Amino acid sequence: MLLLGLLLLAGTAAFTVLVIAGNLSGGPRYTVSVLDHDIATLNGLGLFCAGLALALIFCLGLALMKTGAVHHRRRHLRVRERDDTASLDDMMGPHPDARA
């Protein structure tokens, strides 16, 4: 999930930067182009809705990255805790009340 979130973040950021850099001319109708390819012609409302969609995808990427990082940390702590418990049991030897 962490990698997927990072890919979503990078993709939306790159797309947004390319669209802004390629469409600085303005006008009542905007032709959206990325790398010299015309994608669509939008009016102001269409551009606003496209920006909202990109912002939501960006937030989804952030949420996926955070969830992946938390999951990774919890799993790492669980494995570490299990290793610490096993090493303590090995050092202490058998429990005095344990029957052979």
Protein backbone atom coordinates (compact mmCIF):
# COMPACT_ATOMS: atom_id res chain seq x y z
CA MET A 1 0.00 0.00 0.00
CA LEU A 2 2.88 2.30 0.73
CA LEU A 3 4.21 1.90 -2.80
CA LEU A 4 0.77 2.34 -4.36
CA GLY A 5 0.23 5.53 -2.35
CA LEU A 6 3.61 6.85 -3.42
CA LEU A 7 2.82 6.09 -7.07
CA LEU A 8 -0.53 7.90 -6.81
CA LEU A 9 1.14 10.92 -5.22
CA ALA A 10 3.88 11.07 -7.83
CA GLY A 11 1.44 10.54 -10.70
CA THR A 12 -1.00 13.24 -9.65
CA ALA A 13 1.79 15.68 -8.86
CA ALA A 14 3.51 15.08 -12.22
CA PHE A 15 0.22 15.33 -14.15
CA THR A 16 -0.74 18.56 -12.37
CA VAL A 17 2.67 20.15 -12.99
CA LEU A 18 2.63 19.18 -16.68
CA VAL A 19 -0.91 20.47 -17.19
CA ILE A 20 -0.17 23.79 -15.47
CA ALA A 21 3.11 24.27 -17.34
CA GLY A 22 1.52 23.51 -20.69
CA ASN A 23 -1.60 25.64 -20.22
CA LEU A 24 -0.48 29.07 -19.10
CA SER A 25 -2.15 30.87 -22.03
CA GLY A 26 -5.65 31.14 -20.49
CA GLY A 27 -8.92 32.07 -22.20
CA PRO A 28 -12.61 31.27 -21.70
CA ARG A 29 -12.15 27.71 -22.99
CA TYR A 30 -9.03 25.84 -22.07
CA THR A 31 -7.44 23.12 -24.15
CA VAL A 32 -5.70 20.81 -21.71
CA SER A 33 -2.52 19.39 -23.19
CA VAL A 34 0.16 17.19 -21.71
CA LEU A 35 3.44 16.71 -23.57
CA ASP A 36 2.00 18.38 -26.71
CA HIS A 37 -1.03 16.09 -26.85
CA ASP A 38 -4.46 17.70 -26.53
CA ILE A 39 -6.49 15.77 -23.96
CA ALA A 40 -9.67 17.81 -23.69
CA THR A 41 -11.15 21.29 -24.03
CA LEU A 42 -12.70 22.46 -20.76
CA ASN A 43 -14.48 25.53 -19.47
CA GLY A 44 -13.94 26.99 -16.01
CA LEU A 45 -16.30 24.56 -14.28
CA GLY A 46 -14.68 21.58 -15.97
CA LEU A 47 -11.26 22.74 -14.85
CA PHE A 48 -12.54 23.20 -11.30
CA CYS A 49 -14.02 19.68 -11.25
CA ALA A 50 -10.81 18.22 -12.69
CA GLY A 51 -8.84 19.97 -9.96
CA LEU A 52 -11.16 18.53 -7.32
CA ALA A 53 -10.70 15.05 -8.76
CA LEU A 54 -6.91 15.42 -8.76
CA ALA A 55 -6.98 16.68 -5.18
CA LEU A 56 -9.07 13.68 -4.11
CA ILE A 57 -6.71 11.26 -5.85
CA PHE A 58 -3.77 13.00 -4.18
CA CYS A 59 -5.45 12.66 -0.76
CA LEU A 60 -6.14 8.98 -1.47
CA GLY A 61 -2.45 8.53 -2.19
CA LEU A 62 -1.55 10.21 1.10
CA ALA A 63 -4.00 8.02 3.00
CA LEU A 64 -2.62 4.86 1.37
CA MET A 65 0.93 5.89 2.22
CA LYS A 66 0.02 6.57 5.84
CA THR A 67 -1.87 3.29 6.18
CA GLY A 68 1.02 1.37 4.63
CA ALA A 69 3.55 3.03 6.93
CA VAL A 70 1.47 2.31 10.04
CA HIS A 71 0.95 -1.30 8.97
CA HIS A 72 4.67 -1.73 8.31
CA ARG A 73 5.58 -0.24 11.68
CA ARG A 74 3.12 -2.42 13.60
CA ARG A 75 4.32 -5.56 11.83
CA HIS A 76 7.95 -4.62 12.51
CA LEU A 77 7.24 -4.03 16.21
CA ARG A 78 5.34 -7.34 16.48
CA VAL A 79 8.25 -9.27 15.00
CA ARG A 80 10.72 -7.43 17.19
CA GLU A 81 8.62 -8.05 20.31
CA ARG A 82 8.36 -11.75 19.45
CA ASP A 83 12.14 -11.97 18.98
CA ASP A 84 12.76 -10.18 22.31
CA THR A 85 10.38 -12.52 24.16
CA ALA A 86 12.01 -15.59 22.64
CA SER A 87 15.49 -14.44 23.62
CA LEU A 88 14.39 -13.73 27.22
CA ASP A 89 12.93 -17.22 27.52
CA ASP A 90 16.17 -18.71 26.22
CA MET A 91 18.24 -16.75 28.77
CA MET A 92 16.01 -17.60 31.73
CA GLY A 93 16.01 -21.33 31.07
CA PRO A 94 13.16 -23.60 32.06
CA HIS A 95 10.60 -22.26 34.52
CA PRO A 96 11.21 -23.59 38.11
CA ASP A 97 7.61 -24.81 38.39
CA ALA A 98 7.76 -26.62 35.04
CA ARG A 99 7.65 -30.40 35.32
CA ALA A 100 10.12 -32.43 33.38
